[in-house]
N, C-alpha and C. Protein backbone atom coordinates (compact mmCIF):
# COMPACT_ATOMS: atom_id res chain seq x y z
N MET A 1 0.17 23.90 -11.81
CA MET A 1 -1.04 23.25 -11.89
C MET A 1 -1.63 23.46 -13.34
N LYS A 2 -2.13 22.54 -13.81
CA LYS A 2 -2.74 22.75 -15.33
C LYS A 2 -4.23 22.35 -15.17
N VAL A 3 -5.03 23.13 -16.16
CA VAL A 3 -6.50 22.88 -16.21
C VAL A 3 -6.75 22.08 -17.46
N VAL A 4 -7.33 20.95 -17.31
CA VAL A 4 -7.61 20.01 -18.39
C VAL A 4 -9.14 19.65 -18.53
N THR A 5 -9.60 19.11 -19.51
CA THR A 5 -10.98 18.85 -19.58
C THR A 5 -11.14 17.28 -19.70
N VAL A 6 -12.06 16.79 -19.06
CA VAL A 6 -12.53 15.26 -19.11
C VAL A 6 -13.60 15.41 -20.02
N ASP A 7 -13.62 14.60 -21.25
CA ASP A 7 -14.54 14.82 -22.27
C ASP A 7 -15.82 13.91 -21.95
N THR A 8 -16.78 13.97 -22.78
CA THR A 8 -18.03 13.32 -22.53
C THR A 8 -18.01 11.88 -22.40
N LYS A 9 -16.84 11.22 -22.83
CA LYS A 9 -16.64 9.75 -22.77
C LYS A 9 -15.64 9.36 -21.53
N GLY A 10 -15.48 10.44 -20.70
CA GLY A 10 -14.53 10.19 -19.52
C GLY A 10 -13.04 10.26 -19.83
N ARG A 11 -12.57 10.71 -20.90
CA ARG A 11 -11.21 10.70 -21.21
C ARG A 11 -10.63 11.99 -20.85
N MET A 12 -9.49 11.99 -20.29
CA MET A 12 -8.70 13.25 -19.83
C MET A 12 -7.35 13.18 -20.58
N THR A 13 -7.27 14.30 -21.36
CA THR A 13 -5.98 14.45 -21.98
C THR A 13 -4.89 15.14 -21.11
N LEU A 14 -3.76 14.17 -21.05
CA LEU A 14 -2.67 14.64 -20.12
C LEU A 14 -1.89 15.76 -20.67
N PRO A 15 -1.46 16.72 -19.85
CA PRO A 15 -0.56 17.79 -20.47
C PRO A 15 0.65 17.09 -20.96
N VAL A 16 1.31 17.78 -21.97
CA VAL A 16 2.51 17.10 -22.63
C VAL A 16 3.60 16.69 -21.50
N GLU A 17 3.87 17.62 -20.63
CA GLU A 17 4.92 17.39 -19.73
C GLU A 17 4.62 16.23 -18.79
N PHE A 18 3.25 15.98 -18.44
CA PHE A 18 2.98 14.79 -17.61
C PHE A 18 3.09 13.63 -18.44
N LYS A 19 2.73 13.62 -19.73
CA LYS A 19 2.90 12.41 -20.49
C LYS A 19 4.41 12.08 -20.68
N GLU A 20 5.12 13.11 -20.81
CA GLU A 20 6.65 12.88 -20.91
C GLU A 20 7.25 12.34 -19.62
N TYR A 21 6.71 12.77 -18.40
CA TYR A 21 7.20 12.25 -17.20
C TYR A 21 6.96 10.73 -17.11
N LEU A 22 5.68 10.34 -17.47
CA LEU A 22 5.45 8.98 -17.56
C LEU A 22 6.32 8.05 -18.39
N THR A 23 6.58 8.75 -19.64
CA THR A 23 7.48 8.12 -20.61
C THR A 23 8.90 7.96 -20.22
N ARG A 24 9.36 8.99 -19.42
CA ARG A 24 10.73 8.87 -18.86
C ARG A 24 10.80 7.74 -17.77
N LEU A 25 9.68 7.50 -17.00
CA LEU A 25 9.65 6.48 -16.03
C LEU A 25 9.55 5.15 -16.59
N GLY A 26 9.15 5.14 -17.84
CA GLY A 26 8.99 3.79 -18.54
C GLY A 26 7.55 3.25 -18.28
N ASP A 27 6.73 4.02 -17.66
CA ASP A 27 5.27 3.58 -17.28
C ASP A 27 4.37 4.10 -18.31
N THR A 28 3.83 3.28 -19.13
CA THR A 28 2.69 3.74 -20.12
C THR A 28 1.39 3.41 -19.49
N LYS A 29 1.36 2.58 -18.42
CA LYS A 29 0.01 2.26 -17.72
C LYS A 29 0.10 2.97 -16.39
N VAL A 30 -1.18 3.40 -15.94
CA VAL A 30 -1.32 4.04 -14.69
C VAL A 30 -2.50 3.41 -13.98
N PHE A 31 -2.51 3.68 -12.64
CA PHE A 31 -3.68 3.25 -11.86
C PHE A 31 -4.38 4.47 -11.35
N ILE A 32 -5.65 4.71 -11.69
CA ILE A 32 -6.30 6.00 -11.34
C ILE A 32 -7.25 5.68 -10.27
N THR A 33 -7.31 6.36 -9.09
CA THR A 33 -8.15 6.04 -7.97
C THR A 33 -8.46 7.26 -7.18
N THR A 34 -9.01 7.01 -5.92
CA THR A 34 -9.05 7.98 -4.83
C THR A 34 -8.88 7.10 -3.64
N THR A 35 -8.31 7.79 -2.53
CA THR A 35 -8.25 7.24 -1.25
C THR A 35 -9.10 7.87 -0.25
N ASP A 36 -9.71 9.09 -0.58
CA ASP A 36 -10.42 9.94 0.34
C ASP A 36 -11.78 10.45 -0.24
N LEU A 37 -12.13 9.97 -1.41
CA LEU A 37 -13.42 10.49 -2.13
C LEU A 37 -13.44 11.99 -2.33
N LYS A 38 -12.23 12.57 -2.39
CA LYS A 38 -12.17 14.07 -2.56
C LYS A 38 -11.06 14.35 -3.62
N LEU A 39 -9.99 13.60 -3.70
CA LEU A 39 -8.92 13.86 -4.64
C LEU A 39 -8.74 12.66 -5.41
N ILE A 40 -8.57 12.90 -6.76
CA ILE A 40 -8.27 11.73 -7.61
C ILE A 40 -6.73 11.64 -7.74
N LYS A 41 -6.22 10.43 -7.68
CA LYS A 41 -4.73 10.19 -7.79
C LYS A 41 -4.47 9.40 -9.02
N ILE A 42 -3.50 9.67 -9.75
CA ILE A 42 -3.13 8.98 -10.95
C ILE A 42 -1.61 8.47 -10.63
N PHE A 43 -1.51 7.21 -10.46
CA PHE A 43 -0.19 6.66 -10.02
C PHE A 43 0.46 5.92 -11.27
N PRO A 44 1.79 6.14 -11.55
CA PRO A 44 2.41 5.25 -12.42
C PRO A 44 2.16 3.89 -11.84
N LEU A 45 1.97 2.78 -12.75
CA LEU A 45 1.58 1.46 -12.23
C LEU A 45 2.66 0.98 -11.23
N SER A 46 3.91 1.25 -11.52
CA SER A 46 4.98 0.73 -10.49
C SER A 46 4.84 1.45 -9.24
N THR A 47 4.46 2.71 -9.10
CA THR A 47 4.24 3.32 -7.87
C THR A 47 3.02 2.76 -7.18
N TRP A 48 2.00 2.50 -7.73
CA TRP A 48 0.80 1.84 -7.31
C TRP A 48 1.15 0.54 -6.76
N ASN A 49 1.99 -0.21 -7.38
CA ASN A 49 2.50 -1.54 -6.91
C ASN A 49 3.13 -1.42 -5.62
N ASP A 50 3.97 -0.29 -5.51
CA ASP A 50 4.57 -0.01 -4.18
C ASP A 50 3.52 0.21 -3.02
N ASN A 51 2.46 0.84 -3.30
CA ASN A 51 1.35 1.06 -2.43
C ASN A 51 0.73 -0.28 -2.01
N GLU A 52 0.55 -1.02 -2.86
CA GLU A 52 -0.14 -2.36 -2.71
C GLU A 52 0.81 -3.19 -1.72
N ASN A 53 2.15 -3.12 -2.07
CA ASN A 53 2.98 -3.82 -1.13
C ASN A 53 2.99 -3.24 0.34
N PHE A 54 2.96 -1.92 0.42
CA PHE A 54 2.88 -1.26 1.58
C PHE A 54 1.62 -1.62 2.49
N PHE A 55 0.44 -1.67 1.77
CA PHE A 55 -0.83 -2.17 2.41
C PHE A 55 -0.73 -3.60 2.97
N GLU A 56 -0.01 -4.38 2.17
CA GLU A 56 0.06 -5.86 2.46
C GLU A 56 1.07 -5.99 3.75
N LYS A 57 2.09 -5.18 3.73
CA LYS A 57 3.14 -5.37 4.84
C LYS A 57 2.81 -4.63 6.15
N LEU A 58 1.91 -3.76 6.04
CA LEU A 58 1.61 -2.92 7.27
C LEU A 58 0.82 -3.72 8.29
N THR A 59 1.51 -4.13 9.34
CA THR A 59 0.79 -4.96 10.39
C THR A 59 0.29 -4.09 11.56
N GLU A 60 0.94 -3.07 11.97
CA GLU A 60 0.38 -2.23 13.16
C GLU A 60 -0.78 -1.51 12.81
N ASP A 61 -1.20 -1.34 11.56
CA ASP A 61 -2.43 -0.69 11.24
C ASP A 61 -3.18 -1.30 10.07
N ALA A 62 -3.21 -2.62 10.12
CA ALA A 62 -3.67 -3.49 9.07
C ALA A 62 -5.04 -3.15 8.65
N ALA A 63 -5.98 -2.91 9.72
CA ALA A 63 -7.32 -2.71 9.43
C ALA A 63 -7.61 -1.46 8.56
N ARG A 64 -6.83 -0.35 9.01
CA ARG A 64 -6.89 0.95 8.30
C ARG A 64 -6.34 0.75 6.90
N ALA A 65 -5.25 0.01 6.65
CA ALA A 65 -4.71 -0.20 5.37
C ALA A 65 -5.73 -0.91 4.48
N GLU A 66 -6.42 -1.82 5.06
CA GLU A 66 -7.18 -2.73 4.24
C GLU A 66 -8.46 -1.92 3.75
N ARG A 67 -8.90 -0.97 4.72
CA ARG A 67 -10.08 -0.16 4.33
C ARG A 67 -9.59 0.85 3.12
N ILE A 68 -8.46 1.48 3.32
CA ILE A 68 -8.02 2.39 2.25
C ILE A 68 -7.82 1.61 0.89
N ARG A 69 -7.19 0.40 1.01
CA ARG A 69 -6.92 -0.40 -0.27
C ARG A 69 -8.13 -0.86 -0.85
N PHE A 70 -9.21 -1.22 -0.03
CA PHE A 70 -10.51 -1.55 -0.53
C PHE A 70 -11.08 -0.36 -1.25
N ILE A 71 -11.10 0.82 -0.73
CA ILE A 71 -11.68 1.92 -1.48
C ILE A 71 -10.90 2.23 -2.81
N ALA A 72 -9.69 2.23 -2.75
CA ALA A 72 -8.80 2.55 -3.74
C ALA A 72 -9.00 1.60 -4.96
N ASN A 73 -9.17 0.26 -4.67
CA ASN A 73 -9.51 -0.74 -5.55
C ASN A 73 -10.83 -0.78 -6.12
N ASP A 74 -11.69 -0.34 -5.18
CA ASP A 74 -13.22 -0.37 -5.61
C ASP A 74 -13.42 0.85 -6.74
N TYR A 75 -12.85 2.02 -6.40
CA TYR A 75 -13.07 3.13 -7.27
C TYR A 75 -12.07 3.18 -8.42
N GLY A 76 -11.01 2.55 -8.20
CA GLY A 76 -9.88 2.64 -9.21
C GLY A 76 -9.92 1.67 -10.33
N ALA A 77 -8.91 1.95 -11.30
CA ALA A 77 -8.65 0.92 -12.37
C ALA A 77 -7.40 1.31 -13.07
N ASP A 78 -6.82 0.32 -13.80
CA ASP A 78 -5.65 0.53 -14.67
C ASP A 78 -6.11 1.30 -15.75
N SER A 79 -5.23 2.10 -16.35
CA SER A 79 -5.58 2.76 -17.66
C SER A 79 -4.27 3.06 -18.41
N GLY A 80 -4.43 3.10 -19.68
CA GLY A 80 -3.22 3.34 -20.55
C GLY A 80 -3.39 4.59 -21.28
N ILE A 81 -2.31 5.17 -21.75
CA ILE A 81 -2.41 6.45 -22.36
C ILE A 81 -2.55 6.03 -23.88
N ASP A 82 -3.61 6.66 -24.49
CA ASP A 82 -3.92 6.38 -25.85
C ASP A 82 -2.96 7.30 -26.80
N SER A 83 -3.04 7.03 -28.19
CA SER A 83 -2.29 7.73 -29.10
C SER A 83 -2.41 9.21 -29.04
N ASN A 84 -3.45 9.71 -28.47
CA ASN A 84 -3.80 11.15 -28.40
C ASN A 84 -3.44 11.75 -27.02
N GLY A 85 -2.81 10.95 -26.16
CA GLY A 85 -2.30 11.39 -24.90
C GLY A 85 -3.40 11.36 -23.78
N ARG A 86 -4.49 10.59 -24.03
CA ARG A 86 -5.68 10.64 -23.14
C ARG A 86 -5.67 9.35 -22.20
N LEU A 87 -6.16 9.53 -21.06
CA LEU A 87 -6.49 8.47 -20.23
C LEU A 87 -8.05 8.31 -19.93
N LEU A 88 -8.48 7.13 -19.92
CA LEU A 88 -9.81 6.87 -19.64
C LEU A 88 -10.01 6.74 -18.09
N MET A 89 -10.85 7.66 -17.56
CA MET A 89 -11.10 7.63 -16.12
C MET A 89 -12.10 6.53 -15.81
N PRO A 90 -11.85 5.84 -14.66
CA PRO A 90 -12.62 4.73 -14.29
C PRO A 90 -14.13 5.16 -14.09
N GLN A 91 -14.94 4.28 -14.47
CA GLN A 91 -16.39 4.63 -14.37
C GLN A 91 -16.85 5.09 -12.93
N GLN A 92 -16.47 4.29 -11.94
CA GLN A 92 -16.80 4.56 -10.58
C GLN A 92 -16.25 5.94 -10.16
N LEU A 93 -15.10 6.37 -10.62
CA LEU A 93 -14.74 7.72 -10.37
C LEU A 93 -15.47 8.80 -11.09
N ARG A 94 -15.78 8.54 -12.30
CA ARG A 94 -16.64 9.43 -13.20
C ARG A 94 -18.00 9.60 -12.51
N ASP A 95 -18.53 8.50 -11.96
CA ASP A 95 -19.79 8.72 -11.42
C ASP A 95 -19.76 9.45 -10.08
N HIS A 96 -18.78 9.17 -9.26
CA HIS A 96 -18.67 9.86 -7.97
C HIS A 96 -18.37 11.34 -8.09
N PHE A 97 -17.44 11.60 -8.94
CA PHE A 97 -16.99 12.96 -9.05
C PHE A 97 -17.70 13.85 -10.23
N GLY A 98 -18.62 13.12 -10.96
CA GLY A 98 -19.19 13.83 -12.03
C GLY A 98 -18.26 14.39 -13.03
N LEU A 99 -17.44 13.52 -13.53
CA LEU A 99 -16.30 13.83 -14.35
C LEU A 99 -16.62 14.15 -15.77
N GLU A 100 -17.62 13.59 -16.34
CA GLU A 100 -17.81 13.75 -17.84
C GLU A 100 -18.17 15.28 -18.23
N ASN A 101 -17.35 15.65 -19.30
CA ASN A 101 -17.53 17.03 -19.89
C ASN A 101 -17.42 18.09 -18.82
N THR A 102 -16.19 18.06 -18.02
CA THR A 102 -15.97 18.95 -17.00
C THR A 102 -14.43 19.38 -16.93
N GLN A 103 -14.07 20.37 -16.44
CA GLN A 103 -12.74 20.66 -16.30
C GLN A 103 -12.24 20.33 -14.89
N VAL A 104 -11.02 19.92 -14.79
CA VAL A 104 -10.33 19.49 -13.58
C VAL A 104 -8.92 20.20 -13.58
N ARG A 105 -8.36 20.29 -12.45
CA ARG A 105 -6.85 20.77 -12.23
C ARG A 105 -6.02 19.58 -11.91
N ILE A 106 -4.79 19.55 -12.63
CA ILE A 106 -3.93 18.32 -12.44
C ILE A 106 -2.49 18.92 -12.07
N GLU A 107 -1.90 18.27 -11.05
CA GLU A 107 -0.64 18.62 -10.63
C GLU A 107 0.33 17.35 -10.40
N CYS A 108 1.54 17.45 -10.57
CA CYS A 108 2.46 16.35 -10.23
C CYS A 108 3.10 16.56 -8.90
N GLN A 109 2.96 15.62 -8.01
CA GLN A 109 3.50 15.84 -6.69
C GLN A 109 3.86 14.41 -6.12
N LYS A 110 5.13 14.36 -5.62
CA LYS A 110 5.57 13.18 -4.92
C LYS A 110 5.35 11.87 -5.86
N GLY A 111 5.61 11.98 -7.12
CA GLY A 111 5.58 10.73 -7.94
C GLY A 111 4.32 10.24 -8.35
N PHE A 112 3.19 10.98 -8.19
CA PHE A 112 1.91 10.72 -8.80
C PHE A 112 1.21 12.00 -9.09
N PHE A 113 0.10 11.97 -9.83
CA PHE A 113 -0.56 13.12 -10.29
C PHE A 113 -1.86 13.32 -9.35
N ARG A 114 -2.05 14.52 -8.88
CA ARG A 114 -3.31 14.79 -8.13
C ARG A 114 -4.13 15.60 -9.09
N VAL A 115 -5.46 15.08 -9.11
CA VAL A 115 -6.44 15.66 -9.90
C VAL A 115 -7.62 16.29 -9.03
N TYR A 116 -7.96 17.61 -9.20
CA TYR A 116 -8.89 18.20 -8.35
C TYR A 116 -10.08 18.53 -9.23
N THR A 117 -11.28 18.26 -8.74
CA THR A 117 -12.52 18.72 -9.37
C THR A 117 -12.63 20.24 -8.95
N GLN A 118 -13.42 21.11 -9.50
CA GLN A 118 -13.57 22.40 -9.16
C GLN A 118 -13.97 22.58 -7.72
N LYS A 119 -14.82 21.77 -7.41
CA LYS A 119 -15.40 21.83 -5.96
C LYS A 119 -14.24 21.62 -4.97
N HIS A 120 -13.47 20.49 -5.14
CA HIS A 120 -12.48 20.12 -4.18
C HIS A 120 -11.27 21.04 -4.36
N TYR A 121 -10.96 21.55 -5.52
CA TYR A 121 -9.86 22.56 -5.76
C TYR A 121 -10.12 23.81 -4.84
N GLU A 122 -11.37 24.26 -4.94
CA GLU A 122 -11.79 25.50 -4.08
C GLU A 122 -11.72 25.18 -2.58
N GLU A 123 -12.10 24.04 -2.24
CA GLU A 123 -12.03 23.58 -0.83
C GLU A 123 -10.60 23.56 -0.46
N TYR A 124 -9.71 22.81 -1.15
CA TYR A 124 -8.25 22.81 -0.74
C TYR A 124 -7.62 24.21 -0.71
N LYS A 125 -8.00 25.08 -1.65
CA LYS A 125 -7.37 26.41 -1.73
C LYS A 125 -7.90 27.20 -0.53
N ARG A 126 -9.06 27.14 -0.19
CA ARG A 126 -9.60 27.80 0.97
C ARG A 126 -8.91 27.47 2.29
N GLN A 127 -8.71 26.09 2.45
CA GLN A 127 -8.06 25.57 3.65
C GLN A 127 -6.58 26.02 3.63
N ALA A 128 -5.84 26.09 2.51
CA ALA A 128 -4.49 26.43 2.47
C ALA A 128 -4.39 27.98 2.83
N GLU A 129 -5.32 28.77 2.21
CA GLU A 129 -5.29 30.18 2.52
C GLU A 129 -5.44 30.71 4.02
N GLN A 130 -6.24 29.80 4.68
CA GLN A 130 -6.59 30.19 6.11
C GLN A 130 -5.37 30.05 6.98
N THR A 131 -4.29 29.40 6.71
CA THR A 131 -3.20 29.22 7.57
C THR A 131 -1.96 29.60 6.96
N LEU A 132 -2.10 30.30 5.70
CA LEU A 132 -0.95 30.66 4.90
C LEU A 132 -0.01 31.44 5.57
N GLU A 133 -0.24 32.41 6.43
CA GLU A 133 0.77 33.32 7.03
C GLU A 133 1.71 32.43 8.02
N GLU A 134 0.89 31.55 8.80
CA GLU A 134 1.70 30.80 9.90
C GLU A 134 2.44 29.61 9.22
N ASP A 135 1.93 29.08 8.01
CA ASP A 135 2.65 28.09 7.34
C ASP A 135 3.94 28.58 6.82
N ASN A 136 3.79 29.89 6.16
CA ASN A 136 5.11 30.34 5.66
C ASN A 136 6.07 30.78 6.79
N ALA A 137 5.56 31.24 7.80
CA ALA A 137 6.54 31.54 8.97
C ALA A 137 7.21 30.30 9.46
N ALA A 138 6.48 29.19 9.57
CA ALA A 138 7.04 27.90 10.08
C ALA A 138 8.06 27.48 9.23
N LEU A 139 7.72 27.39 7.85
CA LEU A 139 8.70 26.84 6.88
C LEU A 139 9.87 27.78 6.69
N ILE A 140 9.74 29.00 6.73
CA ILE A 140 10.88 29.85 6.64
C ILE A 140 11.89 29.62 7.69
N ALA A 141 11.24 29.48 8.97
CA ALA A 141 12.14 29.11 10.07
C ALA A 141 12.83 27.76 9.97
N LYS A 142 12.38 26.91 9.12
CA LYS A 142 12.96 25.66 8.87
C LYS A 142 13.92 25.76 7.67
N GLY A 143 13.98 26.74 7.04
CA GLY A 143 15.01 27.01 5.95
C GLY A 143 14.36 27.16 4.55
N MET A 144 12.96 27.19 4.34
CA MET A 144 12.47 27.56 3.10
C MET A 144 12.92 28.98 2.61
N LYS A 145 13.17 29.04 1.31
CA LYS A 145 13.59 30.31 0.78
C LYS A 145 12.41 31.03 0.20
């Protein structure tokens, strides 16, 4: 997990390895959003398009998919990586998360980037630490090294 700064104009500089990951994928555009108002997600555009197709085809839980799609599109926006390796965070996300001139933590997981504000990082960490012993035991039993 890397710590990066979102500047006063709402631009976040991607760590080099994250920028290289997108370049290898051939995606220079991303979709930046949230689906839970706690975690910011940065999707390569092709991955976000897969999510859009998923929402569209999901019939057994269509109302739930529509609500998540609505929130994601309301708070989210496409963004490109500028020549300095920065992404412009959507205004709706900046307003909700108070992103200007602040540090965030970013990690790559399951084909997209997860961005944590300090508040939500501490919340996730506290939750993970509460069940750490039993989580380790369960996963070791399933083959984790």
